[in-house]
């Protein structure tokens, strides 16, 4: 494990050449930005794609969205990341679907985006 907190885990998923960010529960401000920044650090070190496990997803704070759009995504775009994978279930798609659509649209400015409902479906 590269980074762990009560809010999220960040790790190299070596067998798939991915950086995996797994959200555990709602996170705001530093509790949101620290794991995201840890994922960015790994993406800078490795020429990997990015997987966000949002099965325990949540609504973001406005300030965190602004930080993500203005800093995080442009910085990830400077790494070797080409594809971002979202792992979501139908249940959380129904509850945070609008939020994920907003993030997907922004991610698509920089990356190919794929959505799957289980880690096993994350491909190359």
N, C-alpha and C. Protein backbone atom coordinates (compact mmCIF):
# COMPACT_ATOMS: atom_id res chain seq x y z
N UNK A 1 0.85 -1.18 0.00
CA UNK A 1 0.00 0.00 0.00
C UNK A 1 0.89 1.24 0.00
N UNK A 2 0.64 2.13 -0.92
CA UNK A 2 1.44 3.36 -1.02
C UNK A 2 0.91 4.42 -0.06
N UNK A 3 -0.41 4.52 0.05
CA UNK A 3 -1.05 5.49 0.93
C UNK A 3 -2.30 4.83 1.48
N UNK A 4 -2.55 5.04 2.77
CA UNK A 4 -3.79 4.54 3.34
C UNK A 4 -4.27 5.51 4.41
N UNK A 5 -5.58 5.65 4.47
CA UNK A 5 -6.23 6.45 5.50
C UNK A 5 -7.60 5.84 5.73
N UNK A 6 -8.34 6.42 6.65
CA UNK A 6 -9.69 5.90 6.86
C UNK A 6 -10.61 6.23 5.69
N UNK A 7 -10.15 7.12 4.79
CA UNK A 7 -10.97 7.57 3.67
C UNK A 7 -10.66 6.87 2.36
N UNK A 8 -9.39 6.50 2.16
CA UNK A 8 -9.01 5.94 0.86
C UNK A 8 -7.69 5.18 0.96
N UNK A 9 -7.50 4.28 0.00
CA UNK A 9 -6.22 3.58 -0.19
C UNK A 9 -5.73 3.88 -1.60
N UNK A 10 -4.42 4.01 -1.72
CA UNK A 10 -3.79 4.19 -3.03
C UNK A 10 -2.68 3.16 -3.14
N UNK A 11 -2.67 2.43 -4.26
CA UNK A 11 -1.65 1.40 -4.43
C UNK A 11 -1.34 1.20 -5.91
N UNK A 12 -0.17 0.62 -6.13
CA UNK A 12 0.17 0.17 -7.48
C UNK A 12 -0.53 -1.15 -7.72
N UNK A 13 -1.19 -1.27 -8.82
CA UNK A 13 -1.82 -2.51 -9.23
C UNK A 13 -0.93 -3.06 -10.33
N UNK A 14 0.20 -3.63 -9.89
CA UNK A 14 1.29 -3.97 -10.80
C UNK A 14 0.89 -4.93 -11.90
N UNK A 15 0.11 -5.95 -11.56
CA UNK A 15 -0.24 -6.94 -12.59
C UNK A 15 -1.08 -6.35 -13.71
N UNK A 16 -1.70 -5.19 -13.48
CA UNK A 16 -2.49 -4.53 -14.53
C UNK A 16 -1.84 -3.23 -15.01
N UNK A 17 -0.67 -2.89 -14.47
CA UNK A 17 0.00 -1.63 -14.81
C UNK A 17 -0.92 -0.43 -14.60
N UNK A 18 -1.51 -0.37 -13.40
CA UNK A 18 -2.44 0.70 -13.06
C UNK A 18 -2.11 1.24 -11.67
N UNK A 19 -2.54 2.48 -11.43
CA UNK A 19 -2.57 3.05 -10.09
C UNK A 19 -4.02 3.00 -9.65
N UNK A 20 -4.27 2.42 -8.48
CA UNK A 20 -5.63 2.21 -7.99
C UNK A 20 -5.89 3.10 -6.77
N UNK A 21 -6.92 3.94 -6.88
CA UNK A 21 -7.41 4.75 -5.77
C UNK A 21 -8.76 4.19 -5.36
N UNK A 22 -8.83 3.68 -4.15
CA UNK A 22 -10.07 3.09 -3.64
C UNK A 22 -10.64 3.99 -2.55
N UNK A 23 -11.79 4.58 -2.82
CA UNK A 23 -12.45 5.41 -1.81
C UNK A 23 -13.20 4.51 -0.84
N UNK A 24 -13.05 4.78 0.46
CA UNK A 24 -13.70 3.99 1.50
C UNK A 24 -14.95 4.67 2.04
N UNK A 25 -14.93 6.01 2.10
CA UNK A 25 -16.07 6.77 2.59
C UNK A 25 -15.90 8.22 2.18
N UNK A 26 -16.92 9.00 2.44
CA UNK A 26 -16.90 10.41 2.05
C UNK A 26 -15.68 11.12 2.62
N UNK A 27 -15.02 11.88 1.76
CA UNK A 27 -13.82 12.61 2.15
C UNK A 27 -13.93 14.04 1.63
N UNK A 28 -13.44 14.96 2.44
CA UNK A 28 -13.48 16.38 2.07
C UNK A 28 -12.13 17.00 2.35
N UNK A 29 -11.81 18.02 1.56
CA UNK A 29 -10.63 18.84 1.76
C UNK A 29 -9.36 17.98 1.85
N UNK A 30 -8.56 18.09 2.92
CA UNK A 30 -7.31 17.32 2.99
C UNK A 30 -7.55 15.81 2.93
N UNK A 31 -8.65 15.35 3.51
CA UNK A 31 -8.93 13.91 3.47
C UNK A 31 -9.24 13.43 2.05
N UNK A 32 -9.63 14.35 1.19
CA UNK A 32 -9.88 14.06 -0.22
C UNK A 32 -8.60 14.28 -1.03
N UNK A 33 -7.92 15.36 -0.76
CA UNK A 33 -6.78 15.76 -1.59
C UNK A 33 -5.52 14.93 -1.32
N UNK A 34 -5.31 14.48 -0.10
CA UNK A 34 -4.11 13.69 0.18
C UNK A 34 -4.09 12.38 -0.59
N UNK A 35 -5.17 11.58 -0.58
CA UNK A 35 -5.13 10.36 -1.39
C UNK A 35 -5.03 10.65 -2.89
N UNK A 36 -5.73 11.68 -3.36
CA UNK A 36 -5.66 12.02 -4.78
C UNK A 36 -4.25 12.44 -5.16
N UNK A 37 -3.60 13.19 -4.29
CA UNK A 37 -2.22 13.61 -4.55
C UNK A 37 -1.27 12.42 -4.50
N UNK A 38 -1.51 11.48 -3.60
CA UNK A 38 -0.69 10.27 -3.54
C UNK A 38 -0.81 9.49 -4.85
N UNK A 39 -2.03 9.40 -5.39
CA UNK A 39 -2.22 8.73 -6.68
C UNK A 39 -1.46 9.47 -7.77
N UNK A 40 -1.51 10.79 -7.75
CA UNK A 40 -0.77 11.59 -8.72
C UNK A 40 0.73 11.30 -8.64
N UNK A 41 1.26 11.21 -7.43
CA UNK A 41 2.69 10.91 -7.26
C UNK A 41 3.05 9.58 -7.89
N UNK A 42 2.22 8.56 -7.68
CA UNK A 42 2.50 7.26 -8.30
C UNK A 42 2.39 7.33 -9.82
N UNK A 43 1.42 8.09 -10.32
CA UNK A 43 1.27 8.23 -11.77
C UNK A 43 2.48 8.94 -12.37
N UNK A 44 3.07 9.85 -11.61
CA UNK A 44 4.28 10.53 -12.09
C UNK A 44 5.47 9.57 -12.14
N UNK A 45 5.52 8.62 -11.21
CA UNK A 45 6.64 7.68 -11.13
C UNK A 45 6.54 6.53 -12.11
N UNK A 46 5.32 6.18 -12.50
CA UNK A 46 5.08 5.01 -13.35
C UNK A 46 4.29 5.44 -14.57
N UNK A 47 4.48 4.76 -15.64
CA UNK A 47 3.78 5.06 -16.89
C UNK A 47 2.49 4.25 -16.94
N UNK A 48 1.65 4.41 -15.92
CA UNK A 48 0.46 3.58 -15.75
C UNK A 48 -0.80 4.39 -16.00
N UNK A 49 -1.90 3.67 -16.20
CA UNK A 49 -3.22 4.28 -16.24
C UNK A 49 -3.79 4.31 -14.82
N UNK A 50 -4.94 4.96 -14.66
CA UNK A 50 -5.50 5.28 -13.36
C UNK A 50 -6.85 4.61 -13.20
N UNK A 51 -7.06 3.95 -12.05
CA UNK A 51 -8.34 3.31 -11.73
C UNK A 51 -8.87 3.95 -10.45
N UNK A 52 -10.11 4.39 -10.50
CA UNK A 52 -10.77 4.98 -9.34
C UNK A 52 -11.93 4.06 -8.96
N UNK A 53 -11.81 3.44 -7.80
CA UNK A 53 -12.88 2.58 -7.30
C UNK A 53 -13.85 3.48 -6.53
N UNK A 54 -14.96 3.79 -7.19
CA UNK A 54 -15.96 4.71 -6.63
C UNK A 54 -17.21 3.98 -6.16
N UNK A 55 -17.06 2.69 -5.85
CA UNK A 55 -18.23 1.94 -5.41
C UNK A 55 -18.77 2.46 -4.09
N UNK A 56 -17.94 3.12 -3.32
CA UNK A 56 -18.41 3.78 -2.09
C UNK A 56 -18.35 5.28 -2.31
N UNK A 57 -18.77 5.68 -3.50
CA UNK A 57 -18.66 7.07 -3.94
C UNK A 57 -19.53 8.01 -3.15
N UNK A 58 -19.35 9.28 -3.44
CA UNK A 58 -20.01 10.33 -2.68
C UNK A 58 -20.02 11.61 -3.47
N UNK A 59 -20.77 12.56 -3.01
CA UNK A 59 -20.79 13.89 -3.60
C UNK A 59 -19.55 14.65 -3.15
N UNK A 60 -18.93 15.38 -4.06
CA UNK A 60 -17.74 16.16 -3.72
C UNK A 60 -18.11 17.56 -3.24
N UNK A 61 -17.23 18.11 -2.43
CA UNK A 61 -17.34 19.51 -2.05
C UNK A 61 -16.98 20.37 -3.25
N UNK A 62 -17.62 21.51 -3.39
CA UNK A 62 -17.37 22.42 -4.51
C UNK A 62 -15.88 22.77 -4.61
N UNK A 63 -15.24 23.04 -3.48
CA UNK A 63 -13.82 23.41 -3.49
C UNK A 63 -12.94 22.25 -3.95
N UNK A 64 -13.32 21.02 -3.62
CA UNK A 64 -12.54 19.86 -4.06
C UNK A 64 -12.71 19.64 -5.57
N UNK A 65 -13.90 19.88 -6.07
CA UNK A 65 -14.12 19.77 -7.52
C UNK A 65 -13.27 20.80 -8.24
N UNK A 66 -13.28 22.03 -7.75
CA UNK A 66 -12.47 23.09 -8.37
C UNK A 66 -10.99 22.72 -8.35
N UNK A 67 -10.51 22.19 -7.23
CA UNK A 67 -9.11 21.76 -7.11
C UNK A 67 -8.82 20.63 -8.10
N UNK A 68 -9.74 19.67 -8.18
CA UNK A 68 -9.56 18.55 -9.11
C UNK A 68 -9.48 19.00 -10.55
N UNK A 69 -10.37 19.92 -10.93
CA UNK A 69 -10.42 20.38 -12.32
C UNK A 69 -9.24 21.30 -12.65
N UNK A 70 -8.84 22.16 -11.72
CA UNK A 70 -7.80 23.15 -12.02
C UNK A 70 -6.38 22.63 -11.80
N UNK A 71 -6.22 21.69 -10.85
CA UNK A 71 -4.89 21.18 -10.54
C UNK A 71 -4.71 19.70 -10.86
N UNK A 72 -5.52 18.86 -10.24
CA UNK A 72 -5.29 17.42 -10.29
C UNK A 72 -5.33 16.85 -11.71
N UNK A 73 -6.40 17.08 -12.44
CA UNK A 73 -6.50 16.50 -13.78
C UNK A 73 -5.43 17.01 -14.73
N UNK A 74 -5.15 18.33 -14.77
CA UNK A 74 -4.06 18.77 -15.65
C UNK A 74 -2.70 18.16 -15.26
N UNK A 75 -2.46 17.94 -13.97
CA UNK A 75 -1.21 17.32 -13.54
C UNK A 75 -1.16 15.85 -13.93
N UNK A 76 -2.27 15.14 -13.80
CA UNK A 76 -2.31 13.74 -14.22
C UNK A 76 -2.06 13.66 -15.72
N UNK A 77 -2.58 14.63 -16.47
CA UNK A 77 -2.41 14.64 -17.93
C UNK A 77 -0.94 14.76 -18.32
N UNK A 78 -0.11 15.27 -17.44
CA UNK A 78 1.33 15.40 -17.72
C UNK A 78 2.08 14.09 -17.49
N UNK A 79 1.41 13.10 -16.92
CA UNK A 79 2.03 11.79 -16.68
C UNK A 79 1.80 10.91 -17.90
N UNK A 80 2.14 9.64 -17.82
CA UNK A 80 1.92 8.71 -18.92
C UNK A 80 0.51 8.15 -18.98
N UNK A 81 -0.37 8.62 -18.10
CA UNK A 81 -1.74 8.10 -18.04
C UNK A 81 -2.49 8.42 -19.32
N UNK A 82 -3.10 7.39 -19.90
CA UNK A 82 -3.89 7.57 -21.13
C UNK A 82 -5.38 7.23 -20.91
N UNK A 83 -5.64 6.33 -19.96
CA UNK A 83 -7.01 5.87 -19.71
C UNK A 83 -7.30 5.93 -18.22
N UNK A 84 -8.51 6.40 -17.90
CA UNK A 84 -8.98 6.40 -16.51
C UNK A 84 -10.18 5.48 -16.45
N UNK A 85 -10.14 4.57 -15.50
CA UNK A 85 -11.21 3.60 -15.27
C UNK A 85 -11.97 3.99 -14.01
N UNK A 86 -13.30 3.98 -14.08
CA UNK A 86 -14.15 4.15 -12.90
C UNK A 86 -14.81 2.81 -12.61
N UNK A 87 -14.65 2.34 -11.38
CA UNK A 87 -15.37 1.14 -10.95
C UNK A 87 -16.58 1.63 -10.17
N UNK A 88 -17.77 1.29 -10.67
CA UNK A 88 -19.01 1.71 -10.03
C UNK A 88 -20.03 0.59 -10.12
N UNK A 89 -20.96 0.59 -9.19
CA UNK A 89 -22.08 -0.36 -9.26
C UNK A 89 -23.32 0.40 -9.72
N UNK A 90 -24.34 -0.32 -10.12
CA UNK A 90 -25.58 0.34 -10.55
C UNK A 90 -26.18 1.15 -9.41
N UNK A 91 -26.08 0.64 -8.18
CA UNK A 91 -26.66 1.34 -7.04
C UNK A 91 -26.01 2.71 -6.87
N UNK A 92 -24.66 2.77 -6.90
CA UNK A 92 -24.08 4.10 -6.71
C UNK A 92 -24.16 4.92 -7.99
N UNK A 93 -24.29 4.30 -9.14
CA UNK A 93 -24.54 5.05 -10.38
C UNK A 93 -25.86 5.80 -10.25
N UNK A 94 -26.85 5.17 -9.61
CA UNK A 94 -28.15 5.82 -9.42
C UNK A 94 -28.07 6.97 -8.43
N UNK A 95 -27.21 6.86 -7.41
CA UNK A 95 -27.16 7.88 -6.37
C UNK A 95 -26.15 8.99 -6.66
N UNK A 96 -25.02 8.67 -7.31
CA UNK A 96 -24.02 9.70 -7.60
C UNK A 96 -23.78 9.83 -9.11
N UNK A 97 -24.73 9.39 -9.89
CA UNK A 97 -24.57 9.40 -11.34
C UNK A 97 -24.28 10.78 -11.90
N UNK A 98 -25.00 11.81 -11.45
CA UNK A 98 -24.77 13.16 -11.95
C UNK A 98 -23.36 13.63 -11.62
N UNK A 99 -22.92 13.33 -10.41
CA UNK A 99 -21.57 13.70 -9.99
C UNK A 99 -20.53 13.01 -10.87
N UNK A 100 -20.72 11.73 -11.12
CA UNK A 100 -19.77 10.98 -11.93
C UNK A 100 -19.81 11.43 -13.39
N UNK A 101 -20.99 11.83 -13.88
CA UNK A 101 -21.07 12.35 -15.25
C UNK A 101 -20.26 13.63 -15.38
N UNK A 102 -20.32 14.48 -14.35
CA UNK A 102 -19.56 15.72 -14.37
C UNK A 102 -18.06 15.41 -14.40
N UNK A 103 -17.61 14.49 -13.53
CA UNK A 103 -16.19 14.11 -13.50
C UNK A 103 -15.78 13.44 -14.81
N UNK A 104 -16.64 12.57 -15.33
CA UNK A 104 -16.32 11.88 -16.58
C UNK A 104 -16.11 12.87 -17.71
N UNK A 105 -16.99 13.86 -17.81
CA UNK A 105 -16.86 14.87 -18.87
C UNK A 105 -15.53 15.60 -18.74
N UNK A 106 -15.12 15.92 -17.52
CA UNK A 106 -13.86 16.63 -17.32
C UNK A 106 -12.67 15.72 -17.62
N UNK A 107 -12.72 14.48 -17.14
CA UNK A 107 -11.64 13.52 -17.42
C UNK A 107 -11.49 13.31 -18.93
N UNK A 108 -12.60 13.31 -19.66
CA UNK A 108 -12.56 13.04 -21.09
C UNK A 108 -11.86 14.15 -21.88
N UNK A 109 -11.63 15.29 -21.26
CA UNK A 109 -10.85 16.34 -21.90
C UNK A 109 -9.38 15.94 -22.03
N UNK A 110 -8.96 14.98 -21.19
CA UNK A 110 -7.56 14.57 -21.12
C UNK A 110 -7.32 13.10 -21.44
N UNK A 111 -8.28 12.23 -21.13
CA UNK A 111 -8.07 10.78 -21.15
C UNK A 111 -9.24 10.05 -21.79
N UNK A 112 -8.99 8.81 -22.20
CA UNK A 112 -10.09 7.90 -22.49
C UNK A 112 -10.67 7.49 -21.14
N UNK A 113 -11.97 7.34 -21.06
CA UNK A 113 -12.63 6.98 -19.79
C UNK A 113 -13.44 5.72 -20.01
N UNK A 114 -13.28 4.78 -19.09
CA UNK A 114 -14.05 3.53 -19.14
C UNK A 114 -14.70 3.31 -17.78
N UNK A 115 -15.93 2.80 -17.81
CA UNK A 115 -16.65 2.49 -16.57
C UNK A 115 -16.94 1.00 -16.55
N UNK A 116 -16.65 0.39 -15.40
CA UNK A 116 -16.90 -1.03 -15.19
C UNK A 116 -17.55 -1.19 -13.82
N UNK A 117 -18.14 -2.38 -13.58
CA UNK A 117 -18.82 -2.58 -12.30
C UNK A 117 -18.06 -3.48 -11.33
N UNK A 118 -16.85 -3.91 -11.72
CA UNK A 118 -16.03 -4.71 -10.80
C UNK A 118 -14.57 -4.58 -11.19
N UNK A 119 -13.67 -4.76 -10.22
CA UNK A 119 -12.23 -4.69 -10.53
C UNK A 119 -11.79 -5.70 -11.58
N UNK A 120 -12.45 -6.84 -11.63
CA UNK A 120 -12.08 -7.90 -12.58
C UNK A 120 -12.28 -7.45 -14.03
N UNK A 121 -13.10 -6.45 -14.25
CA UNK A 121 -13.39 -6.00 -15.61
C UNK A 121 -12.45 -4.89 -16.08
N UNK A 122 -11.55 -4.46 -15.20
CA UNK A 122 -10.55 -3.46 -15.62
C UNK A 122 -9.58 -4.16 -16.54
N UNK A 123 -9.47 -3.66 -17.75
CA UNK A 123 -8.61 -4.29 -18.74
C UNK A 123 -7.33 -3.50 -18.98
N UNK A 124 -6.72 -3.80 -20.11
CA UNK A 124 -5.46 -3.13 -20.47
C UNK A 124 -5.73 -1.88 -21.29
